[in-house]
């Protein structure tokens, strides 16, 4: 069964192009280590909630966009075997691929799909 790593981050709007380049370099590493798909989604309709919302979750500032991203794996075993290799890959090191956002506000987690519809 598939497995998904999900991410929510705040990226300064002025860094959109830098983020795209950062993601292209970094996402390739996940694919090389067995991920089946990576999606990076730039928020353009992220409403503010009364109690909580995506913007509050990552403490997004007025000049930041919220990104919702995920990495799909064939299964958790593939992800668990790949993740240490991905994290050690020099292409993901900050000195080789600087993050154009505040990594301390990144939210992430691994998820087992429980309902899947469509292709």
N, C-alpha and C. Protein backbone atom coordinates (compact mmCIF):
# COMPACT_ATOMS: atom_id res chain seq x y z
N UNK A 1 0.85 -1.19 0.00
CA UNK A 1 0.00 0.00 0.00
C UNK A 1 0.88 1.24 0.00
N UNK A 2 0.47 2.26 -0.73
CA UNK A 2 1.23 3.51 -0.85
C UNK A 2 1.45 4.16 0.51
N UNK A 3 2.44 5.04 0.57
CA UNK A 3 2.74 5.81 1.76
C UNK A 3 3.04 7.24 1.31
N UNK A 4 2.69 8.23 2.13
CA UNK A 4 2.83 9.64 1.75
C UNK A 4 3.53 10.42 2.85
N UNK A 5 4.53 11.19 2.47
CA UNK A 5 5.12 12.20 3.36
C UNK A 5 4.52 13.53 2.97
N UNK A 6 3.95 14.26 3.93
CA UNK A 6 3.32 15.54 3.67
C UNK A 6 4.07 16.68 4.32
N UNK A 7 4.04 17.85 3.69
CA UNK A 7 4.76 19.02 4.15
C UNK A 7 3.92 20.28 3.99
N UNK A 8 4.02 21.19 4.94
CA UNK A 8 3.43 22.52 4.82
C UNK A 8 4.51 23.50 5.24
N UNK A 9 4.76 24.50 4.39
CA UNK A 9 5.78 25.50 4.69
C UNK A 9 5.31 26.88 4.25
N UNK A 10 5.95 27.89 4.79
CA UNK A 10 5.73 29.27 4.37
C UNK A 10 6.96 29.72 3.61
N UNK A 11 6.76 30.29 2.42
CA UNK A 11 7.86 30.74 1.58
C UNK A 11 7.63 32.20 1.22
N UNK A 12 8.63 33.06 1.41
CA UNK A 12 8.46 34.44 0.98
C UNK A 12 8.08 34.49 -0.51
N UNK A 13 7.07 35.27 -0.83
CA UNK A 13 6.59 35.37 -2.21
C UNK A 13 7.74 35.73 -3.15
N UNK A 14 8.63 36.60 -2.70
CA UNK A 14 9.76 37.02 -3.54
C UNK A 14 10.70 35.86 -3.85
N UNK A 15 10.61 34.76 -3.10
CA UNK A 15 11.50 33.61 -3.30
C UNK A 15 10.84 32.48 -4.11
N UNK A 16 9.75 32.77 -4.79
CA UNK A 16 9.05 31.71 -5.52
C UNK A 16 9.95 31.01 -6.54
N UNK A 17 10.66 31.77 -7.36
CA UNK A 17 11.53 31.16 -8.36
C UNK A 17 12.66 30.39 -7.71
N UNK A 18 13.22 30.94 -6.63
CA UNK A 18 14.29 30.24 -5.90
C UNK A 18 13.75 28.94 -5.31
N UNK A 19 12.51 28.96 -4.82
CA UNK A 19 11.93 27.75 -4.27
C UNK A 19 11.76 26.69 -5.36
N UNK A 20 11.29 27.10 -6.52
CA UNK A 20 11.09 26.15 -7.62
C UNK A 20 12.42 25.48 -7.97
N UNK A 21 13.49 26.23 -8.05
CA UNK A 21 14.80 25.65 -8.35
C UNK A 21 15.25 24.73 -7.22
N UNK A 22 15.05 25.16 -5.99
CA UNK A 22 15.39 24.35 -4.81
C UNK A 22 14.63 23.02 -4.85
N UNK A 23 13.35 23.09 -5.15
CA UNK A 23 12.51 21.89 -5.18
C UNK A 23 12.92 20.96 -6.31
N UNK A 24 13.20 21.49 -7.48
CA UNK A 24 13.60 20.64 -8.60
C UNK A 24 14.84 19.83 -8.25
N UNK A 25 15.82 20.49 -7.63
CA UNK A 25 17.05 19.79 -7.24
C UNK A 25 16.77 18.75 -6.16
N UNK A 26 16.04 19.15 -5.13
CA UNK A 26 15.79 18.26 -4.01
C UNK A 26 14.82 17.14 -4.31
N UNK A 27 13.77 17.43 -5.06
CA UNK A 27 12.76 16.42 -5.35
C UNK A 27 13.31 15.29 -6.20
N UNK A 28 14.28 15.61 -7.04
CA UNK A 28 14.91 14.56 -7.86
C UNK A 28 15.55 13.49 -6.98
N UNK A 29 16.05 13.89 -5.84
CA UNK A 29 16.69 12.93 -4.92
C UNK A 29 15.66 11.93 -4.41
N UNK A 30 14.48 12.40 -4.05
CA UNK A 30 13.42 11.50 -3.58
C UNK A 30 13.05 10.50 -4.67
N UNK A 31 12.91 10.98 -5.90
CA UNK A 31 12.56 10.09 -7.01
C UNK A 31 13.65 9.05 -7.27
N UNK A 32 14.89 9.46 -7.18
CA UNK A 32 16.00 8.53 -7.39
C UNK A 32 16.05 7.43 -6.33
N UNK A 33 15.50 7.72 -5.17
CA UNK A 33 15.53 6.75 -4.07
C UNK A 33 14.21 6.00 -3.90
N UNK A 34 13.33 6.06 -4.92
CA UNK A 34 12.15 5.21 -4.90
C UNK A 34 10.80 5.88 -4.80
N UNK A 35 10.76 7.19 -4.58
CA UNK A 35 9.47 7.88 -4.56
C UNK A 35 8.83 7.76 -5.94
N UNK A 36 7.51 7.66 -5.97
CA UNK A 36 6.82 7.53 -7.25
C UNK A 36 6.34 8.88 -7.79
N UNK A 37 6.18 9.86 -6.90
CA UNK A 37 5.70 11.17 -7.32
C UNK A 37 5.98 12.19 -6.24
N UNK A 38 6.28 13.43 -6.64
CA UNK A 38 6.45 14.55 -5.72
C UNK A 38 5.64 15.71 -6.26
N UNK A 39 4.85 16.32 -5.40
CA UNK A 39 4.07 17.50 -5.79
C UNK A 39 4.41 18.66 -4.86
N UNK A 40 4.67 19.80 -5.44
CA UNK A 40 4.91 21.05 -4.70
C UNK A 40 3.80 22.00 -5.13
N UNK A 41 2.97 22.43 -4.21
CA UNK A 41 1.80 23.23 -4.55
C UNK A 41 1.86 24.60 -3.88
N UNK A 42 1.84 25.66 -4.69
CA UNK A 42 1.90 27.04 -4.22
C UNK A 42 0.48 27.50 -3.88
N UNK A 43 0.26 27.88 -2.64
CA UNK A 43 -1.08 28.27 -2.20
C UNK A 43 -1.56 29.55 -2.87
N UNK A 44 -2.74 29.50 -3.47
CA UNK A 44 -3.33 30.71 -4.04
C UNK A 44 -4.76 30.92 -3.54
N UNK A 45 -5.23 30.00 -2.69
CA UNK A 45 -6.56 30.13 -2.09
C UNK A 45 -6.48 29.49 -0.71
N UNK A 46 -5.79 30.16 0.21
CA UNK A 46 -5.54 29.63 1.55
C UNK A 46 -6.21 30.57 2.56
N UNK A 47 -7.48 30.31 2.88
CA UNK A 47 -8.23 31.23 3.73
C UNK A 47 -7.74 31.20 5.19
N UNK A 48 -7.97 32.32 5.85
CA UNK A 48 -7.68 32.41 7.27
C UNK A 48 -8.87 31.84 8.04
N UNK A 49 -8.58 31.01 9.03
CA UNK A 49 -9.62 30.42 9.86
C UNK A 49 -9.83 31.21 11.13
N UNK A 50 -10.89 30.90 11.84
CA UNK A 50 -11.16 31.58 13.10
C UNK A 50 -10.29 31.02 14.23
N UNK A 51 -10.01 29.71 14.21
CA UNK A 51 -9.22 29.10 15.27
C UNK A 51 -7.85 28.65 14.76
N UNK A 52 -7.84 27.96 13.64
CA UNK A 52 -6.58 27.50 13.07
C UNK A 52 -6.70 27.45 11.55
N UNK A 53 -5.57 27.42 10.88
CA UNK A 53 -5.53 27.33 9.42
C UNK A 53 -4.09 27.04 9.01
N UNK A 54 -3.88 26.85 7.72
CA UNK A 54 -2.52 26.58 7.22
C UNK A 54 -1.56 27.72 7.54
N UNK A 55 -2.01 28.95 7.37
CA UNK A 55 -1.13 30.11 7.61
C UNK A 55 -0.67 30.15 9.06
N UNK A 56 -1.61 29.94 9.99
CA UNK A 56 -1.24 29.95 11.41
C UNK A 56 -0.30 28.78 11.74
N UNK A 57 -0.56 27.65 11.12
CA UNK A 57 0.23 26.46 11.42
C UNK A 57 1.72 26.68 11.16
N UNK A 58 2.04 27.43 10.10
CA UNK A 58 3.45 27.67 9.77
C UNK A 58 3.88 29.10 10.09
N UNK A 59 3.04 29.82 10.82
CA UNK A 59 3.32 31.19 11.21
C UNK A 59 3.68 32.06 10.00
N UNK A 60 2.90 31.90 8.92
CA UNK A 60 3.16 32.65 7.70
C UNK A 60 3.00 34.14 7.92
N UNK A 61 3.93 34.88 7.38
CA UNK A 61 3.89 36.34 7.46
C UNK A 61 3.10 36.87 6.26
N UNK A 62 2.79 38.14 6.29
CA UNK A 62 1.99 38.77 5.25
C UNK A 62 2.60 38.60 3.85
N UNK A 63 3.93 38.60 3.78
CA UNK A 63 4.60 38.52 2.48
C UNK A 63 5.01 37.08 2.11
N UNK A 64 4.36 36.09 2.73
CA UNK A 64 4.70 34.69 2.48
C UNK A 64 3.50 33.93 1.92
N UNK A 65 3.80 32.98 1.06
CA UNK A 65 2.79 32.06 0.55
C UNK A 65 2.92 30.74 1.31
N UNK A 66 1.84 30.01 1.41
CA UNK A 66 1.84 28.69 2.05
C UNK A 66 1.96 27.64 0.95
N UNK A 67 2.86 26.69 1.15
CA UNK A 67 3.01 25.58 0.21
C UNK A 67 2.58 24.29 0.88
N UNK A 68 1.90 23.48 0.11
CA UNK A 68 1.45 22.16 0.55
C UNK A 68 2.09 21.18 -0.42
N UNK A 69 2.89 20.29 0.11
CA UNK A 69 3.65 19.38 -0.74
C UNK A 69 3.57 17.97 -0.21
N UNK A 70 3.78 17.00 -1.11
CA UNK A 70 3.84 15.64 -0.65
C UNK A 70 4.72 14.79 -1.55
N UNK A 71 5.24 13.74 -0.94
CA UNK A 71 6.04 12.74 -1.64
C UNK A 71 5.30 11.42 -1.52
N UNK A 72 5.02 10.80 -2.66
CA UNK A 72 4.34 9.50 -2.65
C UNK A 72 5.39 8.40 -2.81
N UNK A 73 5.23 7.35 -2.02
CA UNK A 73 6.10 6.18 -2.05
C UNK A 73 5.26 4.95 -2.37
N UNK A 74 5.86 3.90 -2.91
CA UNK A 74 5.08 2.68 -3.17
C UNK A 74 4.57 2.05 -1.89
N UNK A 75 5.33 2.19 -0.80
CA UNK A 75 4.93 1.64 0.50
C UNK A 75 5.84 2.22 1.58
N UNK A 76 5.49 2.00 2.83
CA UNK A 76 6.26 2.55 3.95
C UNK A 76 7.65 1.95 4.03
N UNK A 77 7.79 0.68 3.70
CA UNK A 77 9.10 0.03 3.76
C UNK A 77 10.08 0.71 2.79
N UNK A 78 9.62 1.04 1.59
CA UNK A 78 10.48 1.74 0.63
C UNK A 78 10.86 3.10 1.17
N UNK A 79 9.89 3.81 1.72
CA UNK A 79 10.17 5.13 2.30
C UNK A 79 11.15 5.04 3.45
N UNK A 80 10.94 4.08 4.35
CA UNK A 80 11.81 3.94 5.52
C UNK A 80 13.25 3.60 5.11
N UNK A 81 13.40 2.78 4.08
CA UNK A 81 14.74 2.42 3.60
C UNK A 81 15.40 3.59 2.87
N UNK A 82 14.61 4.39 2.18
CA UNK A 82 15.15 5.49 1.38
C UNK A 82 15.47 6.73 2.19
N UNK A 83 14.69 7.02 3.20
CA UNK A 83 14.80 8.29 3.90
C UNK A 83 16.20 8.59 4.44
N UNK A 84 16.89 7.65 5.09
CA UNK A 84 18.26 7.97 5.54
C UNK A 84 19.19 8.32 4.38
N UNK A 85 19.03 7.65 3.25
CA UNK A 85 19.85 7.94 2.07
C UNK A 85 19.52 9.32 1.52
N UNK A 86 18.24 9.64 1.48
CA UNK A 86 17.81 10.95 0.99
C UNK A 86 18.40 12.05 1.87
N UNK A 87 18.31 11.87 3.17
CA UNK A 87 18.78 12.91 4.10
C UNK A 87 20.30 13.09 4.05
N UNK A 88 21.02 12.07 3.67
CA UNK A 88 22.48 12.15 3.58
C UNK A 88 22.97 12.59 2.20
N UNK A 89 22.08 12.67 1.24
CA UNK A 89 22.49 13.04 -0.12
C UNK A 89 23.03 14.48 -0.12
N UNK A 90 24.23 14.68 -0.65
CA UNK A 90 24.83 16.02 -0.63
C UNK A 90 24.02 17.07 -1.38
N UNK A 91 23.17 16.65 -2.32
CA UNK A 91 22.35 17.63 -3.04
C UNK A 91 21.30 18.28 -2.16
N UNK A 92 21.01 17.70 -0.99
CA UNK A 92 20.04 18.30 -0.07
C UNK A 92 20.70 19.12 1.03
N UNK A 93 22.00 19.10 1.11
CA UNK A 93 22.70 19.87 2.14
C UNK A 93 22.50 21.37 1.89
N UNK A 94 22.27 22.13 2.95
CA UNK A 94 22.02 23.58 2.79
C UNK A 94 23.12 24.32 2.03
N UNK A 95 24.36 23.88 2.17
CA UNK A 95 25.44 24.57 1.45
C UNK A 95 25.38 24.31 -0.06
N UNK A 96 24.73 23.23 -0.47
CA UNK A 96 24.59 22.91 -1.89
C UNK A 96 23.24 23.31 -2.47
N UNK A 97 22.23 23.40 -1.63
CA UNK A 97 20.88 23.72 -2.08
C UNK A 97 20.18 24.50 -0.96
N UNK A 98 20.55 25.79 -0.79
CA UNK A 98 20.01 26.58 0.32
C UNK A 98 18.48 26.66 0.30
N UNK A 99 17.89 26.58 1.48
CA UNK A 99 16.44 26.67 1.60
C UNK A 99 16.01 28.14 1.47
N UNK A 100 15.13 28.47 0.54
CA UNK A 100 14.65 29.85 0.40
C UNK A 100 13.45 30.12 1.31
N UNK A 101 13.46 29.51 2.48
CA UNK A 101 12.38 29.65 3.46
C UNK A 101 12.95 29.30 4.83
N UNK A 102 12.19 29.55 5.88
CA UNK A 102 12.59 29.25 7.25
C UNK A 102 12.24 27.80 7.57
N UNK A 103 13.22 26.93 7.54
CA UNK A 103 13.00 25.50 7.76
C UNK A 103 12.47 25.17 9.15
N UNK A 104 12.64 26.07 10.10
CA UNK A 104 12.13 25.82 11.46
C UNK A 104 10.61 25.83 11.51
N UNK A 105 9.98 26.43 10.49
CA UNK A 105 8.51 26.49 10.46
C UNK A 105 7.90 25.45 9.53
N UNK A 106 8.71 24.54 9.02
CA UNK A 106 8.22 23.46 8.17
C UNK A 106 7.51 22.43 9.03
N UNK A 107 6.35 21.99 8.58
CA UNK A 107 5.61 20.93 9.26
C UNK A 107 5.61 19.73 8.34
N UNK A 108 5.90 18.56 8.88
CA UNK A 108 5.92 17.37 8.04
C UNK A 108 5.49 16.14 8.83
N UNK A 109 5.13 15.12 8.10
CA UNK A 109 4.76 13.85 8.74
C UNK A 109 4.53 12.80 7.68
N UNK A 110 4.54 11.54 8.12
CA UNK A 110 4.27 10.41 7.25
C UNK A 110 2.85 9.91 7.46
N UNK A 111 2.20 9.50 6.36
CA UNK A 111 0.79 9.15 6.41
C UNK A 111 0.50 7.88 5.62
N UNK A 112 -0.31 7.02 6.20
CA UNK A 112 -0.81 5.83 5.51
C UNK A 112 -2.18 6.14 4.95
N UNK A 113 -2.35 6.05 3.63
CA UNK A 113 -3.66 6.32 3.04
C UNK A 113 -4.71 5.32 3.57
N UNK A 114 -5.89 5.83 3.86
CA UNK A 114 -6.97 4.95 4.32
C UNK A 114 -8.16 4.94 3.36
N UNK A 115 -8.23 5.94 2.47
CA UNK A 115 -9.24 5.97 1.41
C UNK A 115 -8.55 6.49 0.17
N UNK A 116 -8.66 5.79 -0.94
CA UNK A 116 -8.09 6.23 -2.20
C UNK A 116 -9.14 6.05 -3.29
N UNK A 117 -9.47 7.13 -3.97
CA UNK A 117 -10.43 7.09 -5.07
C UNK A 117 -9.75 7.60 -6.32
N UNK A 118 -10.11 7.12 -7.46
CA UNK A 118 -9.53 7.60 -8.71
C UNK A 118 -8.16 7.00 -8.96
N UNK A 119 -7.47 7.56 -9.95
CA UNK A 119 -6.15 7.01 -10.32
C UNK A 119 -5.02 7.83 -9.76
